[in-house]
N, C-alpha and C. Protein backbone atom coordinates (compact mmCIF):
# COMPACT_ATOMS: atom_id res chain seq x y z
N MET A 1 -4.06 3.80 -0.49
CA MET A 1 -3.76 4.66 0.29
C MET A 1 -1.80 4.10 0.51
N LYS A 2 -0.91 5.52 0.41
CA LYS A 2 0.12 5.14 -0.06
C LYS A 2 0.96 5.01 1.27
N GLN A 3 2.06 4.41 1.43
CA GLN A 3 2.74 3.66 2.76
C GLN A 3 3.50 4.62 3.48
N PRO A 4 2.92 5.40 4.40
CA PRO A 4 4.37 5.87 5.09
C PRO A 4 5.86 5.37 4.88
N ASP A 5 6.73 6.26 5.33
CA ASP A 5 8.05 5.52 5.48
C ASP A 5 7.96 4.92 7.14
N ILE A 6 8.36 3.44 7.11
CA ILE A 6 8.30 2.45 8.23
C ILE A 6 9.58 2.21 8.54
N ASN A 7 10.87 2.94 8.05
CA ASN A 7 12.33 2.49 8.38
C ASN A 7 12.18 3.26 9.32
N ILE A 8 12.65 2.17 10.31
CA ILE A 8 12.99 2.53 12.15
C ILE A 8 14.16 1.59 12.41
N PRO A 9 15.51 3.11 12.98
CA PRO A 9 16.81 2.73 12.49
C PRO A 9 16.69 2.58 14.29
N ALA A 10 17.24 1.29 14.39
CA ALA A 10 16.79 0.43 15.65
C ALA A 10 18.23 1.60 16.63
N PRO A 11 18.13 1.68 18.10
CA PRO A 11 19.04 2.00 18.55
C PRO A 11 20.02 1.12 18.99
N ARG A 12 21.15 1.96 18.88
CA ARG A 12 22.64 0.85 19.24
C ARG A 12 23.12 2.01 20.51
N PHE A 13 23.84 0.41 21.61
CA PHE A 13 24.18 0.91 23.08
C PHE A 13 25.72 0.41 22.96
N LYS A 14 26.12 1.83 23.00
CA LYS A 14 27.64 1.70 23.43
C LYS A 14 28.49 0.36 24.14
N ASN A 15 27.54 0.64 25.42
CA ASN A 15 28.22 -0.30 25.90
C ASN A 15 27.83 -2.20 26.24
N ASP A 16 26.64 -1.92 25.57
CA ASP A 16 25.51 -3.26 25.67
C ASP A 16 25.98 -3.65 23.59
N PRO A 17 26.84 -4.58 23.27
CA PRO A 17 25.95 -4.75 21.93
C PRO A 17 25.12 -6.01 22.28
N ASP A 18 25.00 -7.00 23.26
CA ASP A 18 24.06 -7.90 23.21
C ASP A 18 22.39 -6.56 23.23
N ALA A 19 22.40 -5.96 23.98
CA ALA A 19 21.12 -4.81 23.88
C ALA A 19 20.81 -4.55 22.87
N SER A 20 21.95 -4.25 21.96
CA SER A 20 22.00 -3.32 20.91
C SER A 20 21.59 -4.66 20.20
N ARG A 21 21.29 -5.64 19.94
CA ARG A 21 20.75 -6.70 18.76
C ARG A 21 19.53 -6.99 19.33
N GLN A 22 19.42 -6.97 20.64
CA GLN A 22 17.59 -7.21 21.03
C GLN A 22 17.10 -6.28 20.35
N MET A 23 17.43 -5.20 20.28
CA MET A 23 16.62 -3.75 19.91
C MET A 23 16.18 -3.77 18.43
N ALA A 24 17.57 -4.26 17.92
CA ALA A 24 17.83 -3.99 16.40
C ALA A 24 16.27 -5.41 15.92
N ALA A 25 16.22 -6.33 16.58
CA ALA A 25 15.53 -7.81 16.51
C ALA A 25 14.12 -7.00 16.47
N TYR A 26 14.09 -6.28 17.98
CA TYR A 26 12.22 -5.71 18.28
C TYR A 26 12.35 -4.56 17.13
N THR A 27 13.40 -4.01 16.94
CA THR A 27 12.38 -2.85 15.72
C THR A 27 12.16 -3.24 14.53
N SER A 28 13.24 -4.35 14.16
CA SER A 28 12.51 -5.57 12.61
C SER A 28 11.55 -5.68 12.61
N LYS A 29 10.92 -6.68 13.81
CA LYS A 29 9.45 -7.52 14.27
C LYS A 29 8.51 -6.05 13.75
N ILE A 30 9.12 -5.10 14.57
CA ILE A 30 7.62 -3.84 14.56
C ILE A 30 7.13 -3.59 13.20
N GLN A 31 8.72 -3.02 12.10
CA GLN A 31 8.48 -2.86 10.77
C GLN A 31 7.60 -3.38 9.94
N ASP A 32 7.92 -5.21 10.03
CA ASP A 32 6.98 -5.69 9.87
C ASP A 32 5.56 -6.00 10.18
N LEU A 33 5.39 -5.83 11.07
CA LEU A 33 3.86 -5.96 11.51
C LEU A 33 3.26 -3.79 11.07
N PHE A 34 3.95 -3.41 10.78
CA PHE A 34 3.89 -2.22 10.00
C PHE A 34 3.67 -2.89 8.63
N ARG A 35 3.94 -3.08 8.06
CA ARG A 35 4.01 -3.90 6.76
C ARG A 35 2.68 -4.63 6.88
N ASP A 36 2.56 -5.22 7.30
CA ASP A 36 1.39 -6.33 7.50
C ASP A 36 0.45 -5.09 7.57
N LEU A 37 0.30 -4.81 8.14
CA LEU A 37 -1.37 -3.84 9.01
C LEU A 37 -1.57 -2.65 7.57
N TYR A 38 -0.35 -2.15 7.01
CA TYR A 38 -0.77 -1.09 5.97
C TYR A 38 -0.97 -1.89 4.02
N SER A 39 -0.12 -3.32 4.53
CA SER A 39 -0.77 -3.72 3.28
C SER A 39 -2.31 -4.82 3.26
N LYS A 40 -2.88 -4.16 4.43
CA LYS A 40 -4.00 -5.26 4.50
C LYS A 40 -5.50 -3.95 4.99
N ILE A 41 -5.10 -2.42 5.56
CA ILE A 41 -5.61 -1.35 5.36
C ILE A 41 -6.36 -1.69 4.17
N GLY A 42 -7.49 -0.99 4.04
CA GLY A 42 -7.51 -0.53 2.82
C GLY A 42 -8.78 0.46 2.69
N THR A 43 -8.68 1.00 1.44
CA THR A 43 -9.89 2.87 1.59
C THR A 43 -9.81 3.37 0.04
N VAL A 44 -11.11 3.39 -0.43
CA VAL A 44 -10.97 3.74 -1.54
C VAL A 44 -10.99 5.17 -2.29
N GLU A 45 -10.83 5.45 -3.25
CA GLU A 45 -10.81 7.01 -3.53
C GLU A 45 -11.99 6.97 -4.49
N VAL A 46 -13.18 7.89 -4.39
CA VAL A 46 -14.35 8.05 -5.00
C VAL A 46 -13.54 9.13 -5.84
N VAL A 47 -14.60 9.09 -7.25
CA VAL A 47 -12.96 10.11 -8.06
C VAL A 47 -14.56 10.43 -8.80
N SER A 48 -14.76 11.88 -9.63
CA SER A 48 -15.57 11.83 -10.57
C SER A 48 -15.00 11.81 -11.78
N SER A 49 -13.64 11.87 -12.36
CA SER A 49 -13.24 12.20 -13.84
C SER A 49 -12.58 10.57 -13.38
N ALA A 50 -11.96 9.74 -14.14
CA ALA A 50 -11.18 8.45 -14.82
C ALA A 50 -10.04 8.89 -14.54
N PRO A 51 -9.37 8.31 -13.07
CA PRO A 51 -8.12 8.45 -13.47
C PRO A 51 -6.76 7.84 -14.36
N GLY A 52 -5.96 8.54 -14.44
CA GLY A 52 -4.81 8.05 -15.61
C GLY A 52 -3.63 6.98 -14.47
N LEU A 53 -2.42 6.75 -15.18
CA LEU A 53 -2.37 5.06 -14.66
C LEU A 53 -1.06 5.96 -13.56
N THR A 54 -0.63 7.33 -14.37
CA THR A 54 1.02 7.83 -12.69
C THR A 54 -0.52 7.92 -11.77
N GLN A 55 -1.13 8.35 -11.67
CA GLN A 55 -2.69 8.78 -10.25
C GLN A 55 -2.82 7.00 -9.50
N LEU A 56 -2.37 6.00 -10.15
CA LEU A 56 -2.50 4.81 -9.20
C LEU A 56 -1.14 3.83 -9.04
N ASP A 57 -1.28 3.43 -7.93
CA ASP A 57 0.13 3.00 -7.45
C ASP A 57 0.63 1.46 -7.43
N GLU A 58 1.52 0.95 -7.32
CA GLU A 58 1.17 -0.47 -7.36
C GLU A 58 3.19 -1.10 -6.95
N ARG A 59 2.58 -1.66 -6.33
CA ARG A 59 3.81 -2.51 -4.83
C ARG A 59 4.14 -3.38 -4.89
N GLY A 60 5.18 -4.02 -5.00
CA GLY A 60 5.27 -5.59 -4.55
C GLY A 60 5.43 -5.96 -3.20
N LEU A 61 5.23 -7.00 -3.24
CA LEU A 61 4.76 -7.54 -1.84
C LEU A 61 6.37 -7.69 -1.32
N PRO A 62 7.22 -8.54 -0.23
CA PRO A 62 7.56 -9.77 -0.38
C PRO A 62 7.42 -10.96 -0.39
N ASP A 63 6.24 -11.46 -0.54
CA ASP A 63 6.06 -12.79 -1.45
C ASP A 63 6.19 -12.95 -2.90
N GLY A 64 5.94 -11.85 -3.22
CA GLY A 64 6.11 -11.71 -4.67
C GLY A 64 4.56 -11.15 -5.32
N SER A 65 3.69 -10.79 -4.54
CA SER A 65 2.62 -10.52 -4.92
C SER A 65 2.54 -9.37 -5.07
N MET A 66 1.52 -8.79 -5.84
CA MET A 66 1.65 -6.82 -6.25
C MET A 66 -0.14 -6.56 -5.55
N ARG A 67 0.34 -5.52 -5.05
CA ARG A 67 -0.88 -4.39 -4.44
C ARG A 67 -1.24 -3.19 -5.79
N SER A 68 -2.48 -2.88 -5.92
CA SER A 68 -2.77 -1.62 -6.36
C SER A 68 -3.92 -0.84 -5.56
N ASP A 69 -3.42 0.18 -6.03
CA ASP A 69 -4.33 1.60 -5.32
C ASP A 69 -5.79 1.18 -6.54
N VAL A 70 -6.59 1.70 -5.94
CA VAL A 70 -8.32 1.29 -6.39
C VAL A 70 -8.92 2.83 -6.13
N LYS A 71 -9.46 3.31 -7.20
CA LYS A 71 -10.35 4.48 -7.18
C LYS A 71 -11.65 3.93 -8.07
N ILE A 72 -12.62 4.50 -7.94
CA ILE A 72 -13.93 3.84 -8.44
C ILE A 72 -14.27 5.34 -8.69
N LEU A 73 -14.38 5.28 -10.33
CA LEU A 73 -15.52 6.53 -10.61
C LEU A 73 -16.87 6.70 -10.41
N ASP A 74 -17.61 7.46 -9.94
CA ASP A 74 -18.43 7.70 -9.49
C ASP A 74 -19.61 8.68 -10.65
N ASP A 75 -21.10 7.89 -10.79
CA ASP A 75 -21.89 8.79 -12.28
C ASP A 75 -23.02 8.91 -11.04
N ALA A 76 -23.86 9.49 -12.11
CA ALA A 76 -25.23 9.69 -11.08
C ALA A 76 -26.04 8.78 -11.54
N THR A 77 -25.52 7.80 -12.72
CA THR A 77 -26.88 6.68 -13.37
C THR A 77 -25.96 5.60 -12.30
N GLN A 78 -26.84 4.68 -11.39
CA GLN A 78 -26.61 4.09 -11.00
C GLN A 78 -25.62 2.51 -11.51
N SER A 79 -25.96 2.69 -12.50
CA SER A 79 -25.73 1.27 -13.57
C SER A 79 -24.24 2.06 -14.25
N ASN A 80 -23.82 2.55 -13.91
CA ASN A 80 -22.65 3.16 -14.78
C ASN A 80 -21.60 3.03 -13.64
N ARG A 81 -20.89 2.30 -12.75
CA ARG A 81 -19.99 2.62 -11.89
C ARG A 81 -18.87 2.15 -12.50
N LYS A 82 -17.91 2.84 -12.08
CA LYS A 82 -16.26 1.86 -12.94
C LYS A 82 -15.26 1.80 -11.66
N LEU A 83 -14.13 0.66 -11.79
CA LEU A 83 -13.49 0.40 -10.98
C LEU A 83 -12.39 0.59 -11.00
N TYR A 84 -11.11 1.41 -11.47
CA TYR A 84 -9.97 1.52 -11.91
C TYR A 84 -8.63 1.04 -11.06
N TYR A 85 -7.95 -0.08 -11.69
CA TYR A 85 -6.66 -0.82 -11.02
C TYR A 85 -5.49 -0.29 -12.03
N ARG A 86 -4.18 -0.38 -11.29
CA ARG A 86 -3.45 -0.80 -12.20
C ARG A 86 -2.79 -2.39 -12.15
N SER A 87 -2.22 -2.53 -13.03
CA SER A 87 -1.52 -4.16 -13.54
C SER A 87 -0.32 -3.56 -14.12
N GLY A 88 0.69 -3.70 -13.40
CA GLY A 88 2.44 -3.35 -14.31
C GLY A 88 2.29 -1.84 -15.18
N SER A 89 2.14 -1.76 -16.25
CA SER A 89 1.76 0.10 -16.63
C SER A 89 0.74 -0.23 -17.38
N ASN A 90 -0.23 -1.12 -17.37
CA ASN A 90 -1.54 -1.22 -17.44
C ASN A 90 -2.89 -0.21 -16.61
N LEU A 91 -3.39 0.70 -16.94
CA LEU A 91 -4.40 0.62 -16.52
C LEU A 91 -5.75 -0.07 -16.62
N ARG A 92 -6.26 -0.63 -15.62
CA ARG A 92 -7.94 -1.62 -15.70
C ARG A 92 -8.69 -1.07 -15.35
N LEU A 93 -10.05 -1.52 -16.35
CA LEU A 93 -11.06 -1.44 -16.08
C LEU A 93 -12.30 -2.22 -15.49
N ILE A 94 -12.95 -2.58 -14.74
CA ILE A 94 -13.91 -2.53 -14.29
C ILE A 94 -15.54 -2.07 -14.40
N ASP A 95 -15.96 -2.64 -15.66
CA ASP A 95 -17.58 -1.37 -15.81
C ASP A 95 -18.63 -2.50 -15.02
N SER A 96 -19.65 -1.69 -14.18
CA SER A 96 -21.06 -2.44 -13.59
C SER A 96 -22.20 -2.70 -15.30
N ALA A 97 -22.10 -1.74 -16.16
CA ALA A 97 -22.74 -1.88 -17.13
C ALA A 97 -22.44 -3.10 -17.62
């Protein structure tokens, strides 16, 4: 799942700098919540042909860990399921066989 743009500009109040600071803090917390939610929501795309490296996205998280998109290659044969993910500049495969 691609993360949408969640950068929300904080409103500024001309006559109340304290309110502007409070809104900036509030907006920052909302953005952190959205980032956390999107990093944990997972869907897996099922495909009929093996994906290429450029079809999988990998992104770093603030704590330094990495997340990768995952695609499952489905085949009519029950014992021939494959899971693809990206690790750096490499396409990795987990085979059920």
